[in-house]
Amino acid sequence: LDKKLKNNSFIPRRHNTKIIQENSCKKTRK
């Protein structure tokens, strides 16, 4: 972790996403 912080290399190339629906309304969020 220390090395990645010093090299600014802690951001991956891809991220996983998920679509959720709020219980209080029909709105969906990514």
Full PDB file with SEQRES, HELIX, SHEET, SSBOND, CRYST1, ORIGX, SCALE, CONECT and MASTER records, all heavy atoms in Angstrom:
SEQRES   1 A   30  LEU ASP LYS LYS LEU LYS ASN ASN SER PHE ILE PRO ARG          
SEQRES   2 A   30  ARG HIS ASN THR LYS ILE ILE GLN GLU ASN SER CYS LYS          
SEQRES   3 A   30  LYS THR ARG LYS                                              
HELIX    1 AA1 ASP A    2  ASN A    7  1                                   6    
SHEET    1 AA1 2 ILE A  20  GLN A  21  0                                        
SHEET    2 AA1 2 THR A  28  ARG A  29 -1                                        
CRYST1    1.000    1.000    1.000  90.00  90.00  90.00 P 1           1          
ORIGX1      1.000000  0.000000  0.000000        0.00000                         
ORIGX2      0.000000  1.000000  0.000000        0.00000                         
ORIGX3      0.000000  0.000000  1.000000        0.00000                         
SCALE1      1.000000  0.000000  0.000000        0.00000                         
SCALE2      0.000000  1.000000  0.000000        0.00000                         
SCALE3      0.000000  0.000000  1.000000        0.00000                         
ATOM      1  N   LEU A   1       0.841  -1.210   0.000  1.00  0.00           N  
ATOM      2  CA  LEU A   1       0.000   0.000   0.000  1.00  0.00           C  
ATOM      3  C   LEU A   1       0.869   1.250   0.000  1.00  0.00           C  
ATOM      4  O   LEU A   1       0.607   2.199  -0.758  1.00  0.00           O  
ATOM      5  CB  LEU A   1      -0.919  -0.008   1.224  1.00  0.00           C  
ATOM      6  CG  LEU A   1      -1.721   1.279   1.492  1.00  0.00           C  
ATOM      7  CD1 LEU A   1      -2.686   1.567   0.346  1.00  0.00           C  
ATOM      8  CD2 LEU A   1      -2.477   1.179   2.815  1.00  0.00           C  
ATOM      9  N   ASP A   2       1.898   1.257   0.818  1.00  0.00           N  
ATOM     10  CA  ASP A   2       2.797   2.403   0.899  1.00  0.00           C  
ATOM     11  C   ASP A   2       3.461   2.678  -0.456  1.00  0.00           C  
ATOM     12  O   ASP A   2       3.555   3.833  -0.897  1.00  0.00           O  
ATOM     13  CB  ASP A   2       3.865   2.132   1.970  1.00  0.00           C  
ATOM     14  CG  ASP A   2       4.775   3.318   2.187  1.00  0.00           C  
ATOM     15  OD1 ASP A   2       4.300   4.328   2.757  1.00  0.00           O  
ATOM     16  OD2 ASP A   2       5.955   3.259   1.765  1.00  0.00           O  
ATOM     17  N   LYS A   3       3.889   1.613  -1.116  1.00  0.00           N  
ATOM     18  CA  LYS A   3       4.530   1.761  -2.435  1.00  0.00           C  
ATOM     19  C   LYS A   3       3.551   2.309  -3.467  1.00  0.00           C  
ATOM     20  O   LYS A   3       3.896   3.191  -4.266  1.00  0.00           O  
ATOM     21  CB  LYS A   3       5.071   0.405  -2.884  1.00  0.00           C  
ATOM     22  CG  LYS A   3       5.838   0.447  -4.190  1.00  0.00           C  
ATOM     23  CD  LYS A   3       6.392  -0.927  -4.549  1.00  0.00           C  
ATOM     24  CE  LYS A   3       7.140  -0.894  -5.882  1.00  0.00           C  
ATOM     25  NZ  LYS A   3       7.664  -2.239  -6.242  1.00  0.00           N  
ATOM     26  N   LYS A   4       2.309   1.779  -3.442  1.00  0.00           N  
ATOM     27  CA  LYS A   4       1.308   2.240  -4.404  1.00  0.00           C  
ATOM     28  C   LYS A   4       0.920   3.705  -4.150  1.00  0.00           C  
ATOM     29  O   LYS A   4       0.647   4.448  -5.099  1.00  0.00           O  
ATOM     30  CB  LYS A   4       0.071   1.343  -4.342  1.00  0.00           C  
ATOM     31  CG  LYS A   4       0.270  -0.021  -5.005  1.00  0.00           C  
ATOM     32  CD  LYS A   4      -0.988  -0.847  -5.003  1.00  0.00           C  
ATOM     33  CE  LYS A   4      -0.799  -2.132  -5.802  1.00  0.00           C  
ATOM     34  NZ  LYS A   4      -0.656  -1.894  -7.257  1.00  0.00           N  
ATOM     35  N   LEU A   5       0.889   4.112  -2.892  1.00  0.00           N  
ATOM     36  CA  LEU A   5       0.612   5.515  -2.579  1.00  0.00           C  
ATOM     37  C   LEU A   5       1.733   6.414  -3.105  1.00  0.00           C  
ATOM     38  O   LEU A   5       1.476   7.473  -3.689  1.00  0.00           O  
ATOM     39  CB  LEU A   5       0.443   5.704  -1.069  1.00  0.00           C  
ATOM     40  CG  LEU A   5      -0.895   5.256  -0.460  1.00  0.00           C  
ATOM     41  CD1 LEU A   5      -0.809   5.245   1.059  1.00  0.00           C  
ATOM     42  CD2 LEU A   5      -2.035   6.156  -0.916  1.00  0.00           C  
ATOM     43  N   LYS A   6       2.968   5.991  -2.900  1.00  0.00           N  
ATOM     44  CA  LYS A   6       4.109   6.803  -3.343  1.00  0.00           C  
ATOM     45  C   LYS A   6       4.199   6.870  -4.866  1.00  0.00           C  
ATOM     46  O   LYS A   6       4.596   7.904  -5.427  1.00  0.00           O  
ATOM     47  CB  LYS A   6       5.406   6.234  -2.764  1.00  0.00           C  
ATOM     48  CG  LYS A   6       5.539   6.489  -1.266  1.00  0.00           C  
ATOM     49  CD  LYS A   6       6.775   5.825  -0.681  1.00  0.00           C  
ATOM     50  CE  LYS A   6       6.885   6.148   0.808  1.00  0.00           C  
ATOM     51  NZ  LYS A   6       8.019   5.441   1.456  1.00  0.00           N  
ATOM     52  N   ASN A   7       3.802   5.767  -5.539  1.00  0.00           N  
ATOM     53  CA  ASN A   7       3.851   5.733  -7.005  1.00  0.00           C  
ATOM     54  C   ASN A   7       2.563   6.206  -7.669  1.00  0.00           C  
ATOM     55  O   ASN A   7       2.477   6.243  -8.905  1.00  0.00           O  
ATOM     56  CB  ASN A   7       4.153   4.304  -7.490  1.00  0.00           C  
ATOM     57  CG  ASN A   7       5.512   3.824  -7.034  1.00  0.00           C  
ATOM     58  OD1 ASN A   7       6.385   4.621  -6.726  1.00  0.00           O  
ATOM     59  ND2 ASN A   7       5.694   2.508  -6.971  1.00  0.00           N  
ATOM     60  N   ASN A   8       1.548   6.506  -6.843  1.00  0.00           N  
ATOM     61  CA  ASN A   8       0.220   6.896  -7.366  1.00  0.00           C  
ATOM     62  C   ASN A   8      -0.337   5.837  -8.326  1.00  0.00           C  
ATOM     63  O   ASN A   8      -0.884   6.144  -9.389  1.00  0.00           O  
ATOM     64  CB  ASN A   8       0.288   8.250  -8.079  1.00  0.00           C  
ATOM     65  CG  ASN A   8       0.623   9.380  -7.122  1.00  0.00           C  
ATOM     66  OD1 ASN A   8       0.064   9.462  -6.034  1.00  0.00           O  
ATOM     67  ND2 ASN A   8       1.560  10.235  -7.524  1.00  0.00           N  
ATOM     68  N   SER A   9      -0.205   4.563  -7.911  1.00  0.00           N  
ATOM     69  CA  SER A   9      -0.642   3.462  -8.771  1.00  0.00           C  
ATOM     70  C   SER A   9      -1.743   2.620  -8.121  1.00  0.00           C  
ATOM     71  O   SER A   9      -1.837   1.427  -8.363  1.00  0.00           O  
ATOM     72  CB  SER A   9       0.552   2.559  -9.113  1.00  0.00           C  
ATOM     73  OG  SER A   9       1.134   2.048  -7.933  1.00  0.00           O  
ATOM     74  N   PHE A  10      -2.561   3.259  -7.284  1.00  0.00           N  
ATOM     75  CA  PHE A  10      -3.586   2.501  -6.549  1.00  0.00           C  
ATOM     76  C   PHE A  10      -4.938   2.454  -7.267  1.00  0.00           C  
ATOM     77  O   PHE A  10      -5.872   1.809  -6.800  1.00  0.00           O  
ATOM     78  CB  PHE A  10      -3.771   3.092  -5.140  1.00  0.00           C  
ATOM     79  CG  PHE A  10      -4.079   4.572  -5.127  1.00  0.00           C  
ATOM     80  CD1 PHE A  10      -5.371   5.036  -5.266  1.00  0.00           C  
ATOM     81  CD2 PHE A  10      -3.049   5.492  -4.958  1.00  0.00           C  
ATOM     82  CE1 PHE A  10      -5.654   6.383  -5.245  1.00  0.00           C  
ATOM     83  CE2 PHE A  10      -3.319   6.853  -4.935  1.00  0.00           C  
ATOM     84  CZ  PHE A  10      -4.625   7.303  -5.082  1.00  0.00           C  
ATOM     85  N   ILE A  11      -5.078   3.134  -8.405  1.00  0.00           N  
ATOM     86  CA  ILE A  11      -6.339   3.117  -9.154  1.00  0.00           C  
ATOM     87  C   ILE A  11      -6.316   1.971 -10.168  1.00  0.00           C  
ATOM     88  O   ILE A  11      -5.429   1.922 -11.028  1.00  0.00           O  
ATOM     89  CB  ILE A  11      -6.574   4.454  -9.886  1.00  0.00           C  
ATOM     90  CG1 ILE A  11      -6.603   5.620  -8.888  1.00  0.00           C  
ATOM     91  CG2 ILE A  11      -7.873   4.396 -10.692  1.00  0.00           C  
ATOM     92  CD1 ILE A  11      -7.762   5.584  -7.923  1.00  0.00           C  
ATOM     93  N   PRO A  12      -7.268   1.023 -10.103  1.00  0.00           N  
ATOM     94  CA  PRO A  12      -7.289  -0.083 -11.083  1.00  0.00           C  
ATOM     95  C   PRO A  12      -7.787   0.383 -12.447  1.00  0.00           C  
ATOM     96  O   PRO A  12      -8.365   1.468 -12.572  1.00  0.00           O  
ATOM     97  CB  PRO A  12      -8.277  -1.078 -10.452  1.00  0.00           C  
ATOM     98  CG  PRO A  12      -9.193  -0.233  -9.643  1.00  0.00           C  
ATOM     99  CD  PRO A  12      -8.360   0.908  -9.126  1.00  0.00           C  
ATOM    100  N   ARG A  13      -7.594  -0.455 -13.452  1.00  0.00           N  
ATOM    101  CA  ARG A  13      -8.013  -0.087 -14.807  1.00  0.00           C  
ATOM    102  C   ARG A  13      -9.525  -0.134 -14.975  1.00  0.00           C  
ATOM    103  O   ARG A  13     -10.103   0.638 -15.724  1.00  0.00           O  
ATOM    104  CB  ARG A  13      -7.351  -1.020 -15.829  1.00  0.00           C  
ATOM    105  CG  ARG A  13      -5.854  -0.839 -15.933  1.00  0.00           C  
ATOM    106  CD  ARG A  13      -5.266  -1.778 -16.975  1.00  0.00           C  
ATOM    107  NE  ARG A  13      -3.815  -1.615 -17.085  1.00  0.00           N  
ATOM    108  CZ  ARG A  13      -3.063  -2.322 -17.908  1.00  0.00           C  
ATOM    109  NH1 ARG A  13      -3.618  -3.245 -18.690  1.00  0.00           N  
ATOM    110  NH2 ARG A  13      -1.765  -2.114 -17.955  1.00  0.00           N  
ATOM    111  N   ARG A  14     -10.174  -1.083 -14.287  1.00  0.00           N  
ATOM    112  CA  ARG A  14     -11.625  -1.249 -14.436  1.00  0.00           C  
ATOM    113  C   ARG A  14     -12.287  -1.350 -13.072  1.00  0.00           C  
ATOM    114  O   ARG A  14     -11.672  -1.776 -12.094  1.00  0.00           O  
ATOM    115  CB  ARG A  14     -11.942  -2.525 -15.242  1.00  0.00           C  
ATOM    116  CG  ARG A  14     -11.485  -2.478 -16.683  1.00  0.00           C  
ATOM    117  CD  ARG A  14     -11.894  -3.751 -17.403  1.00  0.00           C  
ATOM    118  NE  ARG A  14     -13.336  -3.918 -17.434  1.00  0.00           N  
ATOM    119  CZ  ARG A  14     -13.952  -4.997 -17.917  1.00  0.00           C  
ATOM    120  NH1 ARG A  14     -13.236  -5.999 -18.406  1.00  0.00           N  
ATOM    121  NH2 ARG A  14     -15.259  -5.068 -17.912  1.00  0.00           N  
ATOM    122  N   HIS A  15     -13.567  -0.956 -13.020  1.00  0.00           N  
ATOM    123  CA  HIS A  15     -14.364  -1.074 -11.809  1.00  0.00           C  
ATOM    124  C   HIS A  15     -15.632  -1.875 -12.102  1.00  0.00           C  
ATOM    125  O   HIS A  15     -16.187  -1.776 -13.196  1.00  0.00           O  
ATOM    126  CB  HIS A  15     -14.770   0.315 -11.275  1.00  0.00           C  
ATOM    127  CG  HIS A  15     -13.640   1.105 -10.712  1.00  0.00           C  
ATOM    128  ND1 HIS A  15     -12.958   2.051 -11.441  1.00  0.00           N  
ATOM    129  CD2 HIS A  15     -13.057   1.071  -9.489  1.00  0.00           C  
ATOM    130  CE1 HIS A  15     -12.008   2.576 -10.689  1.00  0.00           C  
ATOM    131  NE2 HIS A  15     -12.053   2.006  -9.495  1.00  0.00           N  
ATOM    132  N   ASN A  16     -16.077  -2.629 -11.115  1.00  0.00           N  
ATOM    133  CA  ASN A  16     -17.361  -3.314 -11.224  1.00  0.00           C  
ATOM    134  C   ASN A  16     -18.481  -2.357 -10.824  1.00  0.00           C  
ATOM    135  O   ASN A  16     -18.310  -1.531  -9.914  1.00  0.00           O  
ATOM    136  CB  ASN A  16     -17.394  -4.549 -10.313  1.00  0.00           C  
ATOM    137  CG  ASN A  16     -16.394  -5.600 -10.750  1.00  0.00           C  
ATOM    138  OD1 ASN A  16     -16.146  -5.758 -11.943  1.00  0.00           O  
ATOM    139  ND2 ASN A  16     -15.815  -6.317  -9.797  1.00  0.00           N  
ATOM    140  N   THR A  17     -19.600  -2.454 -11.496  1.00  0.00           N  
ATOM    141  CA  THR A  17     -20.751  -1.600 -11.187  1.00  0.00           C  
ATOM    142  C   THR A  17     -21.961  -2.463 -10.854  1.00  0.00           C  
ATOM    143  O   THR A  17     -22.034  -3.635 -11.235  1.00  0.00           O  
ATOM    144  CB  THR A  17     -21.097  -0.668 -12.362  1.00  0.00           C  
ATOM    145  OG1 THR A  17     -21.390  -1.460 -13.520  1.00  0.00           O  
ATOM    146  CG2 THR A  17     -19.947   0.275 -12.671  1.00  0.00           C  
ATOM    147  N   LYS A  18     -22.894  -1.861 -10.147  1.00  0.00           N  
ATOM    148  CA  LYS A  18     -24.112  -2.560  -9.745  1.00  0.00           C  
ATOM    149  C   LYS A  18     -25.273  -1.585  -9.792  1.00  0.00           C  
ATOM    150  O   LYS A  18     -25.149  -0.441  -9.335  1.00  0.00           O  
ATOM    151  CB  LYS A  18     -23.938  -3.127  -8.329  1.00  0.00           C  
ATOM    152  CG  LYS A  18     -25.115  -3.926  -7.818  1.00  0.00           C  
ATOM    153  CD  LYS A  18     -24.834  -4.424  -6.401  1.00  0.00           C  
ATOM    154  CE  LYS A  18     -26.005  -5.224  -5.854  1.00  0.00           C  
ATOM    155  NZ  LYS A  18     -25.753  -5.675  -4.459  1.00  0.00           N  
ATOM    156  N   ILE A  19     -26.410  -2.014 -10.325  1.00  0.00           N  
ATOM    157  CA  ILE A  19     -27.617  -1.188 -10.378  1.00  0.00           C  
ATOM    158  C   ILE A  19     -28.525  -1.599  -9.220  1.00  0.00           C  
ATOM    159  O   ILE A  19     -28.860  -2.776  -9.074  1.00  0.00           O  
ATOM    160  CB  ILE A  19     -28.369  -1.351 -11.715  1.00  0.00           C  
ATOM    161  CG1 ILE A  19     -27.437  -1.035 -12.900  1.00  0.00           C  
ATOM    162  CG2 ILE A  19     -29.605  -0.465 -11.743  1.00  0.00           C  
ATOM    163  CD1 ILE A  19     -26.943   0.390 -12.951  1.00  0.00           C  
ATOM    164  N   ILE A  20     -28.897  -0.640  -8.385  1.00  0.00           N  
ATOM    165  CA  ILE A  20     -29.798  -0.928  -7.268  1.00  0.00           C  
ATOM    166  C   ILE A  20     -31.055  -0.085  -7.405  1.00  0.00           C  
ATOM    167  O   ILE A  20     -31.042   0.979  -8.034  1.00  0.00           O  
ATOM    168  CB  ILE A  20     -29.136  -0.653  -5.904  1.00  0.00           C  
ATOM    169  CG1 ILE A  20     -28.780   0.836  -5.752  1.00  0.00           C  
ATOM    170  CG2 ILE A  20     -27.902  -1.521  -5.715  1.00  0.00           C  
ATOM    171  CD1 ILE A  20     -28.414   1.230  -4.350  1.00  0.00           C  
ATOM    172  N   GLN A  21     -32.134  -0.567  -6.798  1.00  0.00           N  
ATOM    173  CA  GLN A  21     -33.398   0.177  -6.787  1.00  0.00           C  
ATOM    174  C   GLN A  21     -33.729   0.533  -5.351  1.00  0.00           C  
ATOM    175  O   GLN A  21     -33.734  -0.330  -4.471  1.00  0.00           O  
ATOM    176  CB  GLN A  21     -34.537  -0.654  -7.389  1.00  0.00           C  
ATOM    177  CG  GLN A  21     -35.857   0.114  -7.486  1.00  0.00           C  
ATOM    178  CD  GLN A  21     -36.910  -0.633  -8.283  1.00  0.00           C  
ATOM    179  OE1 GLN A  21     -36.586  -1.469  -9.115  1.00  0.00           O  
ATOM    180  NE2 GLN A  21     -38.165  -0.327  -8.036  1.00  0.00           N  
ATOM    181  N   GLU A  22     -33.998   1.809  -5.112  1.00  0.00           N  
ATOM    182  CA  GLU A  22     -34.318   2.256  -3.770  1.00  0.00           C  
ATOM    183  C   GLU A  22     -35.695   1.763  -3.358  1.00  0.00           C  
ATOM    184  O   GLU A  22     -36.631   1.768  -4.153  1.00  0.00           O  
ATOM    185  CB  GLU A  22     -34.264   3.783  -3.686  1.00  0.00           C  
ATOM    186  CG  GLU A  22     -32.864   4.331  -3.890  1.00  0.00           C  
ATOM    187  CD  GLU A  22     -32.816   5.827  -3.698  1.00  0.00           C  
ATOM    188  OE1 GLU A  22     -33.890   6.464  -3.697  1.00  0.00           O  
ATOM    189  OE2 GLU A  22     -31.717   6.369  -3.539  1.00  0.00           O  
ATOM    190  N   ASN A  23     -35.804   1.367  -2.071  1.00  0.00           N  
ATOM    191  CA  ASN A  23     -37.090   0.880  -1.567  1.00  0.00           C  
ATOM    192  C   ASN A  23     -38.137   1.973  -1.504  1.00  0.00           C  
ATOM    193  O   ASN A  23     -39.326   1.730  -1.665  1.00  0.00           O  
ATOM    194  CB  ASN A  23     -36.903   0.280  -0.163  1.00  0.00           C  
ATOM    195  CG  ASN A  23     -36.084  -0.993  -0.196  1.00  0.00           C  
ATOM    196  OD1 ASN A  23     -36.144  -1.735  -1.169  1.00  0.00           O  
ATOM    197  ND2 ASN A  23     -35.319  -1.250   0.848  1.00  0.00           N  
ATOM    198  N   SER A  24     -37.688   3.205  -1.262  1.00  0.00           N  
ATOM    199  CA  SER A  24     -38.631   4.306  -1.049  1.00  0.00           C  
ATOM    200  C   SER A  24     -39.262   4.818  -2.340  1.00  0.00           C  
ATOM    201  O   SER A  24     -40.249   5.525  -2.314  1.00  0.00           O  
ATOM    202  CB  SER A  24     -37.918   5.462  -0.333  1.00  0.00           C  
ATOM    203  OG  SER A  24     -36.809   5.899  -1.095  1.00  0.00           O  
ATOM    204  N   CYS A  25     -38.674   4.467  -3.484  1.00  0.00           N  
ATOM    205  CA  CYS A  25     -39.218   4.949  -4.760  1.00  0.00           C  
ATOM    206  C   CYS A  25     -38.752   4.014  -5.872  1.00  0.00           C  
ATOM    207  O   CYS A  25     -38.040   3.053  -5.643  1.00  0.00           O  
ATOM    208  CB  CYS A  25     -38.777   6.389  -5.030  1.00  0.00           C  
ATOM    209  SG  CYS A  25     -36.997   6.597  -5.125  1.00  0.00           S  
ATOM    210  N   LYS A  26     -39.170   4.311  -7.074  1.00  0.00           N  
ATOM    211  CA  LYS A  26     -38.802   3.469  -8.217  1.00  0.00           C  
ATOM    212  C   LYS A  26     -37.479   3.890  -8.844  1.00  0.00           C  
ATOM    213  O   LYS A  26     -37.087   3.383  -9.882  1.00  0.00           O  
ATOM    214  CB  LYS A  26     -39.917   3.531  -9.261  1.00  0.00           C  
ATOM    215  CG  LYS A  26     -41.238   2.930  -8.773  1.00  0.00           C  
ATOM    216  CD  LYS A  26     -42.307   3.010  -9.849  1.00  0.00           C  
ATOM    217  CE  LYS A  26     -43.614   2.412  -9.356  1.00  0.00           C  
ATOM    218  NZ  LYS A  26     -44.680   2.504 -10.366  1.00  0.00           N  
ATOM    219  N   LYS A  27     -36.783   4.807  -8.211  1.00  0.00           N  
ATOM    220  CA  LYS A  27     -35.527   5.310  -8.739  1.00  0.00           C  
ATOM    221  C   LYS A  27     -34.433   4.244  -8.671  1.00  0.00           C  
ATOM    222  O   LYS A  27     -34.312   3.518  -7.693  1.00  0.00           O  
ATOM    223  CB  LYS A  27     -35.095   6.526  -7.917  1.00  0.00           C  
ATOM    224  CG  LYS A  27     -33.879   7.260  -8.458  1.00  0.00           C  
ATOM    225  CD  LYS A  27     -33.374   8.277  -7.459  1.00  0.00           C  
ATOM    226  CE  LYS A  27     -34.398   9.356  -7.173  1.00  0.00           C  
ATOM    227  NZ  LYS A  27     -33.860  10.355  -6.224  1.00  0.00           N  
ATOM    228  N   THR A  28     -33.646   4.148  -9.719  1.00  0.00           N  
ATOM    229  CA  THR A  28     -32.500   3.240  -9.736  1.00  0.00           C  
ATOM    230  C   THR A  28     -31.204   4.043  -9.673  1.00  0.00           C  
ATOM    231  O   THR A  28     -31.142   5.178 -10.161  1.00  0.00           O  
ATOM    232  CB  THR A  28     -32.488   2.368 -11.004  1.00  0.00           C  
ATOM    233  OG1 THR A  28     -32.450   3.217 -12.165  1.00  0.00           O  
ATOM    234  CG2 THR A  28     -33.721   1.472 -11.058  1.00  0.00           C  
ATOM    235  N   ARG A  29     -30.190   3.443  -9.061  1.00  0.00           N  
ATOM    236  CA  ARG A  29     -28.897   4.113  -8.940  1.00  0.00           C  
ATOM    237  C   ARG A  29     -27.785   3.161  -9.367  1.00  0.00           C  
ATOM    238  O   ARG A  29     -27.848   1.955  -9.110  1.00  0.00           O  
ATOM    239  CB  ARG A  29     -28.655   4.568  -7.497  1.00  0.00           C  
ATOM    240  CG  ARG A  29     -29.605   5.663  -7.024  1.00  0.00           C  
ATOM    241  CD  ARG A  29     -29.209   6.134  -5.642  1.00  0.00           C  
ATOM    242  NE  ARG A  29     -30.107   7.131  -5.104  1.00  0.00           N  
ATOM    243  CZ  ARG A  29     -30.020   8.432  -5.334  1.00  0.00           C  
ATOM    244  NH1 ARG A  29     -29.052   8.895  -6.121  1.00  0.00           N  
ATOM    245  NH2 ARG A  29     -30.864   9.276  -4.794  1.00  0.00           N  
ATOM    246  N   LYS A  30     -26.766   3.722  -9.986  1.00  0.00           N  
ATOM    247  CA  LYS A  30     -25.604   2.945 -10.404  1.00  0.00           C  
ATOM    248  C   LYS A  30     -24.514   3.091  -9.338  1.00  0.00           C  
ATOM    249  O   LYS A  30     -24.033   4.185  -9.080  1.00  0.00           O  
ATOM    250  CB  LYS A  30     -25.098   3.451 -11.754  1.00  0.00           C  
ATOM    251  CG  LYS A  30     -23.915   2.661 -12.295  1.00  0.00           C  
ATOM    252  CD  LYS A  30     -23.470   3.241 -13.631  1.00  0.00           C  
ATOM    253  CE  LYS A  30     -22.258   2.506 -14.180  1.00  0.00           C  
ATOM    254  NZ  LYS A  30     -21.787   3.103 -15.445  1.00  0.00           N  
TER     255      LYS A  30                                                      
MASTER        0    0    0    1    2    0    0    6  254    1    0    3          
END                                                                             
